[in-house]
């Protein structure tokens, strides 16, 4: 009788282990599927980011082309834009540490000082 009880208990434990193993296999397959879907989604995001970057670069090219055209049509526009471009270049050099704040402010004052006629 004791052998029968032990055998029944052992069979029940083995059955529970098989069920748990099957559930773990299902979970593993679901996790692998989730990883694949996450990879697919990541690929879509990368493609979208690249597309946005290309669109932004294309827009910037068109803006520069229009600016160049307008400057060629009206040389005064080109002359008026030049100090702004120089100030922006000076600001970039100052941001990189090539120019100290005092020098930047001194040249910035020159640019903003009105010219007497």
PDB file of N, CA and C in Angstrom:
ATOM      1  N   UNK A   1       0.814  -1.185   0.000  1.00  0.00           N
ATOM      2  CA  UNK A   1       0.000   0.000   0.000  1.00  0.00           C
ATOM      3  C   UNK A   1       0.868   1.263   0.000  1.00  0.00           C
ATOM      4  N   UNK A   2       1.909   1.259   0.817  1.00  0.00           N
ATOM      5  CA  UNK A   2       2.793   2.406   0.875  1.00  0.00           C
ATOM      6  C   UNK A   2       3.467   2.630  -0.472  1.00  0.00           C
ATOM      7  N   UNK A   3       3.807   1.526  -1.153  1.00  0.00           N
ATOM      8  CA  UNK A   3       4.419   1.649  -2.477  1.00  0.00           C
ATOM      9  C   UNK A   3       3.452   2.285  -3.468  1.00  0.00           C
ATOM     10  N   UNK A   4       2.175   1.944  -3.362  1.00  0.00           N
ATOM     11  CA  UNK A   4       1.177   2.507  -4.269  1.00  0.00           C
ATOM     12  C   UNK A   4       0.999   4.015  -4.032  1.00  0.00           C
ATOM     13  N   UNK A   5       0.999   4.414  -2.795  1.00  0.00           N
ATOM     14  CA  UNK A   5       0.853   5.836  -2.466  1.00  0.00           C
ATOM     15  C   UNK A   5       2.067   6.613  -2.980  1.00  0.00           C
ATOM     16  N   UNK A   6       3.257   6.058  -2.785  1.00  0.00           N
ATOM     17  CA  UNK A   6       4.474   6.711  -3.262  1.00  0.00           C
ATOM     18  C   UNK A   6       4.463   6.800  -4.778  1.00  0.00           C
ATOM     19  N   UNK A   7       3.971   5.764  -5.434  1.00  0.00           N
ATOM     20  CA  UNK A   7       3.901   5.750  -6.897  1.00  0.00           C
ATOM     21  C   UNK A   7       2.911   6.796  -7.400  1.00  0.00           C
ATOM     22  N   UNK A   8       1.776   6.913  -6.735  1.00  0.00           N
ATOM     23  CA  UNK A   8       0.773   7.908  -7.121  1.00  0.00           C
ATOM     24  C   UNK A   8       1.339   9.317  -6.914  1.00  0.00           C
ATOM     25  N   UNK A   9       2.014   9.541  -5.801  1.00  0.00           N
ATOM     26  CA  UNK A   9       2.608  10.841  -5.515  1.00  0.00           C
ATOM     27  C   UNK A   9       3.677  11.178  -6.544  1.00  0.00           C
ATOM     28  N   UNK A  10       4.504  10.190  -6.910  1.00  0.00           N
ATOM     29  CA  UNK A  10       5.554  10.400  -7.895  1.00  0.00           C
ATOM     30  C   UNK A  10       4.958  10.732  -9.257  1.00  0.00           C
ATOM     31  N   UNK A  11       3.892  10.018  -9.649  1.00  0.00           N
ATOM     32  CA  UNK A  11       3.231  10.302 -10.919  1.00  0.00           C
ATOM     33  C   UNK A  11       2.635  11.711 -10.921  1.00  0.00           C
ATOM     34  N   UNK A  12       2.052  12.112  -9.819  1.00  0.00           N
ATOM     35  CA  UNK A  12       1.460  13.446  -9.720  1.00  0.00           C
ATOM     36  C   UNK A  12       2.553  14.510  -9.822  1.00  0.00           C
ATOM     37  N   UNK A  13       3.682  14.277  -9.160  1.00  0.00           N
ATOM     38  CA  UNK A  13       4.778  15.238  -9.215  1.00  0.00           C
ATOM     39  C   UNK A  13       5.351  15.326 -10.626  1.00  0.00           C
ATOM     40  N   UNK A  14       5.501  14.198 -11.314  1.00  0.00           N
ATOM     41  CA  UNK A  14       6.017  14.183 -12.682  1.00  0.00           C
ATOM     42  C   UNK A  14       5.044  14.898 -13.610  1.00  0.00           C
ATOM     43  N   UNK A  15       3.763  14.689 -13.409  1.00  0.00           N
ATOM     44  CA  UNK A  15       2.748  15.348 -14.223  1.00  0.00           C
ATOM     45  C   UNK A  15       2.818  16.864 -14.036  1.00  0.00           C
ATOM     46  N   UNK A  16       2.987  17.315 -12.807  1.00  0.00           N
ATOM     47  CA  UNK A  16       3.116  18.749 -12.538  1.00  0.00           C
ATOM     48  C   UNK A  16       4.369  19.319 -13.200  1.00  0.00           C
ATOM     49  N   UNK A  17       5.455  18.543 -13.169  1.00  0.00           N
ATOM     50  CA  UNK A  17       6.692  18.992 -13.807  1.00  0.00           C
ATOM     51  C   UNK A  17       6.521  19.107 -15.315  1.00  0.00           C
ATOM     52  N   UNK A  18       5.825  18.141 -15.924  1.00  0.00           N
ATOM     53  CA  UNK A  18       5.588  18.201 -17.368  1.00  0.00           C
ATOM     54  C   UNK A  18       4.731  19.417 -17.717  1.00  0.00           C
ATOM     55  N   UNK A  19       3.713  19.666 -16.918  1.00  0.00           N
ATOM     56  CA  UNK A  19       2.848  20.826 -17.148  1.00  0.00           C
ATOM     57  C   UNK A  19       3.655  22.122 -17.019  1.00  0.00           C
ATOM     58  N   UNK A  20       4.463  22.200 -15.983  1.00  0.00           N
ATOM     59  CA  UNK A  20       5.293  23.393 -15.786  1.00  0.00           C
ATOM     60  C   UNK A  20       6.283  23.554 -16.935  1.00  0.00           C
ATOM     61  N   UNK A  21       6.860  22.445 -17.383  1.00  0.00           N
ATOM     62  CA  UNK A  21       7.803  22.494 -18.503  1.00  0.00           C
ATOM     63  C   UNK A  21       7.112  22.970 -19.775  1.00  0.00           C
ATOM     64  N   UNK A  22       5.908  22.474 -20.025  1.00  0.00           N
ATOM     65  CA  UNK A  22       5.144  22.916 -21.201  1.00  0.00           C
ATOM     66  C   UNK A  22       4.819  24.408 -21.118  1.00  0.00           C
ATOM     67  N   UNK A  23       4.452  24.863 -19.946  1.00  0.00           N
ATOM     68  CA  UNK A  23       4.140  26.280 -19.764  1.00  0.00           C
ATOM     69  C   UNK A  23       5.391  27.143 -19.967  1.00  0.00           C
ATOM     70  N   UNK A  24       6.536  26.657 -19.487  1.00  0.00           N
ATOM     71  CA  UNK A  24       7.785  27.388 -19.703  1.00  0.00           C
ATOM     72  C   UNK A  24       8.145  27.438 -21.181  1.00  0.00           C
ATOM     73  N   UNK A  25       7.896  26.337 -21.898  1.00  0.00           N
ATOM     74  CA  UNK A  25       8.143  26.328 -23.346  1.00  0.00           C
ATOM     75  C   UNK A  25       7.257  27.356 -24.048  1.00  0.00           C
ATOM     76  N   UNK A  26       5.986  27.413 -23.646  1.00  0.00           N
ATOM     77  CA  UNK A  26       5.068  28.400 -24.234  1.00  0.00           C
ATOM     78  C   UNK A  26       5.552  29.823 -23.942  1.00  0.00           C
ATOM     79  N   UNK A  27       5.971  30.047 -22.709  1.00  0.00           N
ATOM     80  CA  UNK A  27       6.464  31.363 -22.322  1.00  0.00           C
ATOM     81  C   UNK A  27       7.719  31.726 -23.113  1.00  0.00           C
ATOM     82  N   UNK A  28       8.589  30.752 -23.305  1.00  0.00           N
ATOM     83  CA  UNK A  28       9.813  30.982 -24.071  1.00  0.00           C
ATOM     84  C   UNK A  28       9.495  31.349 -25.516  1.00  0.00           C
ATOM     85  N   UNK A  29       8.545  30.654 -26.132  1.00  0.00           N
ATOM     86  CA  UNK A  29       8.146  30.975 -27.508  1.00  0.00           C
ATOM     87  C   UNK A  29       7.516  32.364 -27.580  1.00  0.00           C
ATOM     88  N   UNK A  30       6.690  32.688 -26.596  1.00  0.00           N
ATOM     89  CA  UNK A  30       6.062  34.013 -26.571  1.00  0.00           C
ATOM     90  C   UNK A  30       7.123  35.106 -26.398  1.00  0.00           C
ATOM     91  N   UNK A  31       8.103  34.859 -25.548  1.00  0.00           N
ATOM     92  CA  UNK A  31       9.172  35.842 -25.341  1.00  0.00           C
ATOM     93  C   UNK A  31       9.989  36.018 -26.615  1.00  0.00           C
ATOM     94  N   UNK A  32      10.282  34.914 -27.310  1.00  0.00           N
ATOM     95  CA  UNK A  32      11.032  35.008 -28.566  1.00  0.00           C
ATOM     96  C   UNK A  32      10.230  35.801 -29.596  1.00  0.00           C
ATOM     97  N   UNK A  33       8.923  35.571 -29.638  1.00  0.00           N
ATOM     98  CA  UNK A  33       8.065  36.335 -30.550  1.00  0.00           C
ATOM     99  C   UNK A  33       8.058  37.814 -30.195  1.00  0.00           C
ATOM    100  N   UNK A  34       8.030  38.115 -28.909  1.00  0.00           N
ATOM    101  CA  UNK A  34       8.042  39.517 -28.473  1.00  0.00           C
ATOM    102  C   UNK A  34       9.359  40.193 -28.855  1.00  0.00           C
ATOM    103  N   UNK A  35      10.458  39.456 -28.731  1.00  0.00           N
ATOM    104  CA  UNK A  35      11.760  40.007 -29.120  1.00  0.00           C
ATOM    105  C   UNK A  35      11.777  40.300 -30.614  1.00  0.00           C
ATOM    106  N   UNK A  36      11.253  39.375 -31.413  1.00  0.00           N
ATOM    107  CA  UNK A  36      11.195  39.591 -32.865  1.00  0.00           C
ATOM    108  C   UNK A  36      10.354  40.820 -33.200  1.00  0.00           C
ATOM    109  N   UNK A  37       9.213  40.959 -32.547  1.00  0.00           N
ATOM    110  CA  UNK A  37       8.348  42.120 -32.798  1.00  0.00           C
ATOM    111  C   UNK A  37       9.026  43.418 -32.359  1.00  0.00           C
ATOM    112  N   UNK A  38       9.740  43.376 -31.244  1.00  0.00           N
ATOM    113  CA  UNK A  38      10.462  44.566 -30.788  1.00  0.00           C
ATOM    114  C   UNK A  38      11.552  44.942 -31.790  1.00  0.00           C
ATOM    115  N   UNK A  39      12.238  43.938 -32.335  1.00  0.00           N
ATOM    116  CA  UNK A  39      13.254  44.205 -33.363  1.00  0.00           C
ATOM    117  C   UNK A  39      12.620  44.818 -34.603  1.00  0.00           C
ATOM    118  N   UNK A  40      11.459  44.291 -35.001  1.00  0.00           N
ATOM    119  CA  UNK A  40      10.752  44.851 -36.158  1.00  0.00           C
ATOM    120  C   UNK A  40      10.369  46.309 -35.908  1.00  0.00           C
ATOM    121  N   UNK A  41       9.855  46.585 -34.724  1.00  0.00           N
ATOM    122  CA  UNK A  41       9.455  47.947 -34.370  1.00  0.00           C
ATOM    123  C   UNK A  41      10.663  48.886 -34.354  1.00  0.00           C
ATOM    124  N   UNK A  42      11.770  48.390 -33.823  1.00  0.00           N
ATOM    125  CA  UNK A  42      12.994  49.190 -33.794  1.00  0.00           C
ATOM    126  C   UNK A  42      13.456  49.514 -35.211  1.00  0.00           C
ATOM    127  N   UNK A  43      13.340  48.561 -36.119  1.00  0.00           N
ATOM    128  CA  UNK A  43      13.716  48.800 -37.517  1.00  0.00           C
ATOM    129  C   UNK A  43      12.835  49.881 -38.137  1.00  0.00           C
ATOM    130  N   UNK A  44      11.551  49.845 -37.821  1.00  0.00           N
ATOM    131  CA  UNK A  44      10.627  50.856 -38.340  1.00  0.00           C
ATOM    132  C   UNK A  44      11.002  52.237 -37.800  1.00  0.00           C
ATOM    133  N   UNK A  45      11.325  52.316 -36.509  1.00  0.00           N
ATOM    134  CA  UNK A  45      11.724  53.595 -35.919  1.00  0.00           C
ATOM    135  C   UNK A  45      13.002  54.120 -36.565  1.00  0.00           C
ATOM    136  N   UNK A  46      13.985  53.220 -36.801  1.00  0.00           N
ATOM    137  CA  UNK A  46      15.235  53.644 -37.433  1.00  0.00           C
ATOM    138  C   UNK A  46      14.969  54.185 -38.829  1.00  0.00           C
ATOM    139  N   UNK A  47      14.109  53.490 -39.575  1.00  0.00           N
ATOM    140  CA  UNK A  47      13.782  53.942 -40.933  1.00  0.00           C
ATOM    141  C   UNK A  47      13.083  55.303 -40.882  1.00  0.00           C
ATOM    142  N   UNK A  48      12.188  55.485 -39.930  1.00  0.00           N
ATOM    143  CA  UNK A  48      11.491  56.767 -39.786  1.00  0.00           C
ATOM    144  C   UNK A  48      12.444  57.892 -39.426  1.00  0.00           C
ATOM    145  N   UNK A  49      13.388  57.613 -38.548  1.00  0.00           N
ATOM    146  CA  UNK A  49      14.366  58.637 -38.161  1.00  0.00           C
ATOM    147  C   UNK A  49      15.243  59.011 -39.349  1.00  0.00           C
ATOM    148  N   UNK A  50      15.661  58.019 -40.124  1.00  0.00           N
ATOM    149  CA  UNK A  50      16.487  58.295 -41.305  1.00  0.00           C
ATOM    150  C   UNK A  50      15.701  59.106 -42.327  1.00  0.00           C
ATOM    151  N   UNK A  51      14.434  58.764 -42.504  1.00  0.00           N
ATOM    152  CA  UNK A  51      13.588  59.495 -43.442  1.00  0.00           C
ATOM    153  C   UNK A  51      13.409  60.950 -42.996  1.00  0.00           C
ATOM    154  N   UNK A  52      13.197  61.152 -41.710  1.00  0.00           N
ATOM    155  CA  UNK A  52      13.048  62.516 -41.181  1.00  0.00           C
ATOM    156  C   UNK A  52      14.337  63.311 -41.368  1.00  0.00           C
ATOM    157  N   UNK A  53      15.471  62.650 -41.156  1.00  0.00           N
ATOM    158  CA  UNK A  53      16.763  63.320 -41.334  1.00  0.00           C
ATOM    159  C   UNK A  53      16.950  63.740 -42.788  1.00  0.00           C
ATOM    160  N   UNK A  54      16.616  62.847 -43.711  1.00  0.00           N
ATOM    161  CA  UNK A  54      16.747  63.172 -45.130  1.00  0.00           C
ATOM    162  C   UNK A  54      15.799  64.307 -45.517  1.00  0.00           C
ATOM    163  N   UNK A  55      14.585  64.264 -44.983  1.00  0.00           N
ATOM    164  CA  UNK A  55      13.624  65.334 -45.263  1.00  0.00           C
ATOM    165  C   UNK A  55      14.111  66.672 -44.742  1.00  0.00           C
ATOM    166  N   UNK A  56      14.695  66.660 -43.558  1.00  0.00           N
ATOM    167  CA  UNK A  56      15.225  67.884 -42.964  1.00  0.00           C
ATOM    168  C   UNK A  56      16.390  68.427 -43.786  1.00  0.00           C
ATOM    169  N   UNK A  57      17.260  67.526 -44.233  1.00  0.00           N
ATOM    170  CA  UNK A  57      18.398  67.961 -45.059  1.00  0.00           C
ATOM    171  C   UNK A  57      17.907  68.533 -46.388  1.00  0.00           C
ATOM    172  N   UNK A  58      16.899  67.896 -46.970  1.00  0.00           N
ATOM    173  CA  UNK A  58      16.341  68.393 -48.228  1.00  0.00           C
ATOM    174  C   UNK A  58      15.719  69.768 -48.061  1.00  0.00           C
ATOM    175  N   UNK A  59      15.019  69.960 -46.963  1.00  0.00           N
ATOM    176  CA  UNK A  59      14.406  71.260 -46.680  1.00  0.00           C
ATOM    177  C   UNK A  59      15.477  72.331 -46.491  1.00  0.00           C
ATOM    178  N   UNK A  60      16.540  71.975 -45.780  1.00  0.00           N
ATOM    179  CA  UNK A  60      17.628  72.931 -45.557  1.00  0.00           C
ATOM    180  C   UNK A  60      18.284  73.312 -46.887  1.00  0.00           C
ATOM    181  N   UNK A  61      18.456  72.342 -47.782  1.00  0.00           N
ATOM    182  CA  UNK A  61      19.026  72.629 -49.107  1.00  0.00           C
ATOM    183  C   UNK A  61      18.132  73.596 -49.881  1.00  0.00           C
ATOM    184  N   UNK A  62      16.818  73.366 -49.819  1.00  0.00           N
ATOM    185  CA  UNK A  62      15.889  74.247 -50.525  1.00  0.00           C
ATOM    186  C   UNK A  62      15.914  75.659 -49.937  1.00  0.00           C
ATOM    187  N   UNK A  63      15.989  75.761 -48.622  1.00  0.00           N
ATOM    188  CA  UNK A  63      16.061  77.079 -47.987  1.00  0.00           C
ATOM    189  C   UNK A  63      17.328  77.818 -48.423  1.00  0.00           C
ATOM    190  N   UNK A  64      18.451  77.098 -48.460  1.00  0.00           N
ATOM    191  CA  UNK A  64      19.705  77.728 -48.888  1.00  0.00           C
ATOM    192  C   UNK A  64      19.651  78.128 -50.357  1.00  0.00           C
ATOM    193  N   UNK A  65      19.018  77.292 -51.188  1.00  0.00           N
ATOM    194  CA  UNK A  65      18.895  77.627 -52.609  1.00  0.00           C
ATOM    195  C   UNK A  65      18.044  78.883 -52.791  1.00  0.00           C
ATOM    196  N   UNK A  66      16.929  78.971 -52.055  1.00  0.00           N
ATOM    197  CA  UNK A  66      16.073  80.156 -52.139  1.00  0.00           C
ATOM    198  C   UNK A  66      16.821  81.396 -51.646  1.00  0.00           C
ATOM    199  N   UNK A  67      17.543  81.255 -50.551  1.00  0.00           N
ATOM    200  CA  UNK A  67      18.314  82.383 -50.017  1.00  0.00           C
ATOM    201  C   UNK A  67      19.335  82.855 -51.052  1.00  0.00           C
ATOM    202  N   UNK A  68      20.037  81.907 -51.681  1.00  0.00           N
ATOM    203  CA  UNK A  68      21.019  82.263 -52.705  1.00  0.00           C
ATOM    204  C   UNK A  68      20.378  82.964 -53.884  1.00  0.00           C
ATOM    205  N   UNK A  69      19.210  82.476 -54.301  1.00  0.00           N
ATOM    206  CA  UNK A  69      18.497  83.099 -55.416  1.00  0.00           C
ATOM    207  C   UNK A  69      18.099  84.529 -55.071  1.00  0.00           C
ATOM    208  N   UNK A  70      17.524  84.719 -53.892  1.00  0.00           N
ATOM    209  CA  UNK A  70      17.109  86.063 -53.478  1.00  0.00           C
ATOM    210  C   UNK A  70      18.304  87.002 -53.361  1.00  0.00           C
ATOM    211  N   UNK A  71      19.433  86.477 -52.884  1.00  0.00           N
ATOM    212  CA  UNK A  71      20.628  87.315 -52.773  1.00  0.00           C
ATOM    213  C   UNK A  71      21.173  87.682 -54.148  1.00  0.00           C
ATOM    214  N   UNK A  72      21.036  86.777 -55.113  1.00  0.00           N
ATOM    215  CA  UNK A  72      21.483  87.091 -56.474  1.00  0.00           C
ATOM    216  C   UNK A  72      20.566  88.113 -57.137  1.00  0.00           C
ATOM    217  N   UNK A  73      19.282  88.023 -56.825  1.00  0.00           N
ATOM    218  CA  UNK A  73      18.324  88.973 -57.394  1.00  0.00           C
ATOM    219  C   UNK A  73      18.530  90.353 -56.782  1.00  0.00           C
ATOM    220  N   UNK A  74      18.733  90.397 -55.468  1.00  0.00           N
ATOM    221  CA  UNK A  74      18.869  91.677 -54.767  1.00  0.00           C
ATOM    222  C   UNK A  74      20.161  91.666 -53.947  1.00  0.00           C
ATOM    223  N   UNK A  75      21.241  92.264 -54.466  1.00  0.00           N
ATOM    224  CA  UNK A  75      22.515  92.281 -53.744  1.00  0.00           C
ATOM    225  C   UNK A  75      22.427  92.951 -52.372  1.00  0.00           C
ATOM    226  N   UNK A  76      21.465  93.834 -52.188  1.00  0.00           N
ATOM    227  CA  UNK A  76      21.298  94.481 -50.884  1.00  0.00           C
ATOM    228  C   UNK A  76      20.922  93.434 -49.834  1.00  0.00           C
ATOM    229  N   UNK A  77      20.070  92.491 -50.214  1.00  0.00           N
ATOM    230  CA  UNK A  77      19.689  91.414 -49.295  1.00  0.00           C
ATOM    231  C   UNK A  77      20.925  90.633 -48.869  1.00  0.00           C
ATOM    232  N   UNK A  78      21.794  90.351 -49.836  1.00  0.00           N
ATOM    233  CA  UNK A  78      23.027  89.623 -49.533  1.00  0.00           C
ATOM    234  C   UNK A  78      23.887  90.421 -48.557  1.00  0.00           C
ATOM    235  N   UNK A  79      24.011  91.710 -48.803  1.00  0.00           N
ATOM    236  CA  UNK A  79      24.816  92.559 -47.925  1.00  0.00           C
ATOM    237  C   UNK A  79      24.215  92.642 -46.526  1.00  0.00           C
ATOM    238  N   UNK A  80      22.894  92.657 -46.445  1.00  0.00           N
ATOM    239  CA  UNK A  80      22.238  92.729 -45.133  1.00  0.00           C
ATOM    240  C   UNK A  80      22.357  91.413 -44.368  1.00  0.00           C
ATOM    241  N   UNK A  81      22.408  90.296 -45.075  1.00  0.00           N
ATOM    242  CA  UNK A  81      22.525  88.989 -44.424  1.00  0.00           C
ATOM    243  C   UNK A  81      23.949  88.705 -43.944  1.00  0.00           C
ATOM    244  N   UNK A  82      24.929  89.338 -44.557  1.00  0.00           N
ATOM    245  CA  UNK A  82      26.325  89.039 -44.247  1.00  0.00           C
ATOM    246  C   UNK A  82      26.674  89.268 -42.772  1.00  0.00           C
ATOM    247  N   UNK A  83      26.316  90.391 -42.155  1.00  0.00           N
ATOM    248  CA  UNK A  83      26.641  90.563 -40.724  1.00  0.00           C
ATOM    249  C   UNK A  83      25.987  89.493 -39.840  1.00  0.00           C
ATOM    250  N   UNK A  84      24.771  89.088 -40.176  1.00  0.00           N
ATOM    251  CA  UNK A  84      24.115  88.033 -39.398  1.00  0.00           C
ATOM    252  C   UNK A  84      24.900  86.730 -39.493  1.00  0.00           C
ATOM    253  N   UNK A  85      25.362  86.411 -40.700  1.00  0.00           N
ATOM    254  CA  UNK A  85      26.140  85.185 -40.894  1.00  0.00           C
ATOM    255  C   UNK A  85      27.467  85.263 -40.147  1.00  0.00           C
ATOM    256  N   UNK A  86      28.098  86.438 -40.179  1.00  0.00           N
ATOM    257  CA  UNK A  86      29.364  86.607 -39.468  1.00  0.00           C
ATOM    258  C   UNK A  86      29.166  86.495 -37.958  1.00  0.00           C
ATOM    259  N   UNK A  87      28.082  87.067 -37.464  1.00  0.00           N
ATOM    260  CA  UNK A  87      27.802  86.984 -36.035  1.00  0.00           C
ATOM    261  C   UNK A  87      27.544  85.536 -35.628  1.00  0.00           C
ATOM    262  N   UNK A  88      26.827  84.799 -36.446  1.00  0.00           N
ATOM    263  CA  UNK A  88      26.558  83.391 -36.155  1.00  0.00           C
ATOM    264  C   UNK A  88      27.861  82.595 -36.138  1.00  0.00           C
ATOM    265  N   UNK A  89      28.747  82.867 -37.089  1.00  0.00           N
ATOM    266  CA  UNK A  89      30.054  82.192 -37.104  1.00  0.00           C
ATOM    267  C   UNK A  89      30.850  82.533 -35.852  1.00  0.00           C
ATOM    268  N   UNK A  90      30.846  83.797 -35.471  1.00  0.00           N
ATOM    269  CA  UNK A  90      31.550  84.223 -34.261  1.00  0.00           C
ATOM    270  C   UNK A  90      30.961  83.530 -33.030  1.00  0.00           C
ATOM    271  N   UNK A  91      29.634  83.413 -32.977  1.00  0.00           N
ATOM    272  CA  UNK A  91      28.964  82.743 -31.857  1.00  0.00           C
ATOM    273  C   UNK A  91      29.399  81.274 -31.776  1.00  0.00           C
ATOM    274  N   UNK A  92      29.527  80.616 -32.923  1.00  0.00           N
ATOM    275  CA  UNK A  92      29.951  79.207 -32.938  1.00  0.00           C
ATOM    276  C   UNK A  92      31.388  79.062 -32.431  1.00  0.00           C
ATOM    277  N   UNK A  93      32.272  79.970 -32.859  1.00  0.00           N
ATOM    278  CA  UNK A  93      33.652  79.922 -32.373  1.00  0.00           C
ATOM    279  C   UNK A  93      33.714  80.170 -30.871  1.00  0.00           C
ATOM    280  N   UNK A  94      32.893  81.100 -30.403  1.00  0.00           N
ATOM    281  CA  UNK A  94      32.876  81.398 -28.974  1.00  0.00           C
ATOM    282  C   UNK A  94      32.345  80.200 -28.190  1.00  0.00           C
ATOM    283  N   UNK A  95      31.339  79.514 -28.728  1.00  0.00           N
ATOM    284  CA  UNK A  95      30.772  78.341 -28.063  1.00  0.00           C
ATOM    285  C   UNK A  95      31.793  77.205 -27.982  1.00  0.00           C
ATOM    286  N   UNK A  96      32.677  77.119 -28.967  1.00  0.00           N
ATOM    287  CA  UNK A  96      33.712  76.073 -28.967  1.00  0.00           C
ATOM    288  C   UNK A  96      34.908  76.457 -28.100  1.00  0.00           C
ATOM    289  N   UNK A  97      34.921  77.692 -27.598  1.00  0.00           N
ATOM    290  CA  UNK A  97      35.990  78.121 -26.712  1.00  0.00           C
ATOM    291  C   UNK A  97      37.155  78.795 -27.416  1.00  0.00           C
ATOM    292  N   UNK A  98      37.021  79.094 -28.701  1.00  0.00           N
ATOM    293  CA  UNK A  98      38.096  79.748 -29.440  1.00  0.00           C
ATOM    294  C   UNK A  98      38.137  81.256 -29.185  1.00  0.00           C
ATOM    295  N   UNK A  99      37.065  81.786 -28.658  1.00  0.00           N
ATOM    296  CA  UNK A  99      36.980  83.225 -28.408  1.00  0.00           C
ATOM    297  C   UNK A  99      36.400  83.423 -27.016  1.00  0.00           C
ATOM    298  N   UNK A 100      36.983  84.344 -26.261  1.00  0.00           N
ATOM    299  CA  UNK A 100      36.454  84.584 -24.917  1.00  0.00           C
ATOM    300  C   UNK A 100      35.205  85.468 -24.991  1.00  0.00           C
ATOM    301  N   UNK A 101      34.522  85.565 -23.893  1.00  0.00           N
ATOM    302  CA  UNK A 101      33.260  86.304 -23.834  1.00  0.00           C
ATOM    303  C   UNK A 101      33.462  87.792 -24.113  1.00  0.00           C
ATOM    304  N   UNK A 102      34.544  88.367 -23.603  1.00  0.00           N
ATOM    305  CA  UNK A 102      34.788  89.803 -23.824  1.00  0.00           C
ATOM    306  C   UNK A 102      34.964  90.110 -25.305  1.00  0.00           C
ATOM    307  N   UNK A 103      35.741  89.285 -25.994  1.00  0.00           N
ATOM    308  CA  UNK A 103      35.957  89.497 -27.429  1.00  0.00           C
ATOM    309  C   UNK A 103      34.640  89.365 -28.180  1.00  0.00           C
ATOM    310  N   UNK A 104      33.873  88.345 -27.819  1.00  0.00           N
ATOM    311  CA  UNK A 104      32.579  88.142 -28.475  1.00  0.00           C
ATOM    312  C   UNK A 104      31.682  89.360 -28.266  1.00  0.00           C
ATOM    313  N   UNK A 105      31.614  89.851 -27.036  1.00  0.00           N
ATOM    314  CA  UNK A 105      30.758  91.007 -26.746  1.00  0.00           C
ATOM    315  C   UNK A 105      31.245  92.258 -27.468  1.00  0.00           C
ATOM    316  N   UNK A 106      32.563  92.431 -27.564  1.00  0.00           N
ATOM    317  CA  UNK A 106      33.108  93.604 -28.256  1.00  0.00           C
ATOM    318  C   UNK A 106      32.714  93.581 -29.734  1.00  0.00           C
ATOM    319  N   UNK A 107      32.880  92.432 -30.382  1.00  0.00           N
ATOM    320  CA  UNK A 107      32.516  92.347 -31.795  1.00  0.00           C
ATOM    321  C   UNK A 107      31.001  92.385 -31.982  1.00  0.00           C
ATOM    322  N   UNK A 108      30.277  91.887 -31.014  1.00  0.00           N
ATOM    323  CA  UNK A 108      28.821  91.938 -31.078  1.00  0.00           C
ATOM    324  C   UNK A 108      28.342  93.389 -30.995  1.00  0.00           C
ATOM    325  N   UNK A 109      29.018  94.223 -30.185  1.00  0.00           N
ATOM    326  CA  UNK A 109      28.667  95.651 -30.095  1.00  0.00           C
ATOM    327  C   UNK A 109      28.918  96.347 -31.425  1.00  0.00           C
ATOM    328  N   UNK A 110      30.032  95.982 -32.077  1.00  0.00           N
ATOM    329  CA  UNK A 110      30.335  96.580 -33.383  1.00  0.00           C
ATOM    330  C   UNK A 110      29.209  96.278 -34.357  1.00  0.00           C
ATOM    331  N   UNK A 111      28.724  95.063 -34.318  1.00  0.00           N
ATOM    332  CA  UNK A 111      27.688  94.641 -35.253  1.00  0.00           C
ATOM    333  C   UNK A 111      26.362  95.337 -34.975  1.00  0.00           C
ATOM    334  N   UNK A 112      26.066  95.588 -33.697  1.00  0.00           N
ATOM    335  CA  UNK A 112      24.766  96.180 -33.344  1.00  0.00           C
ATOM    336  C   UNK A 112      24.791  97.704 -33.282  1.00  0.00           C
ATOM    337  N   UNK A 113      25.975  98.297 -33.393  1.00  0.00           N
ATOM    338  CA  UNK A 113      26.073  99.760 -33.359  1.00  0.00           C
ATOM    339  C   UNK A 113      25.584 100.332 -34.683  1.00  0.00           C
ATOM    340  N   UNK A 114      24.631 101.250 -34.646  1.00  0.00           N
ATOM    341  CA  UNK A 114      24.142 101.833 -35.896  1.00  0.00           C
ATOM    342  C   UNK A 114      25.209 102.704 -36.554  1.00  0.00           C
ATOM    343  N   UNK A 115      25.200 102.696 -37.861  1.00  0.00           N
ATOM    344  CA  UNK A 115      26.152 103.493 -38.638  1.00  0.00           C
ATOM    345  C   UNK A 115      25.532 104.861 -38.882  1.00  0.00           C
ATOM    346  N   UNK A 116      26.302 105.927 -38.599  1.00  0.00           N
ATOM    347  CA  UNK A 116      25.810 107.296 -38.836  1.00  0.00           C
ATOM    348  C   UNK A 116      25.991 107.642 -40.299  1.00  0.00           C
ATOM    349  N   UNK A 117      25.031 108.372 -40.851  1.00  0.00           N
ATOM    350  CA  UNK A 117      25.166 108.766 -42.251  1.00  0.00           C
ATOM    351  C   UNK A 117      25.444 110.223 -42.394  1.00  0.00           C
TER     352      UNK A 117
END
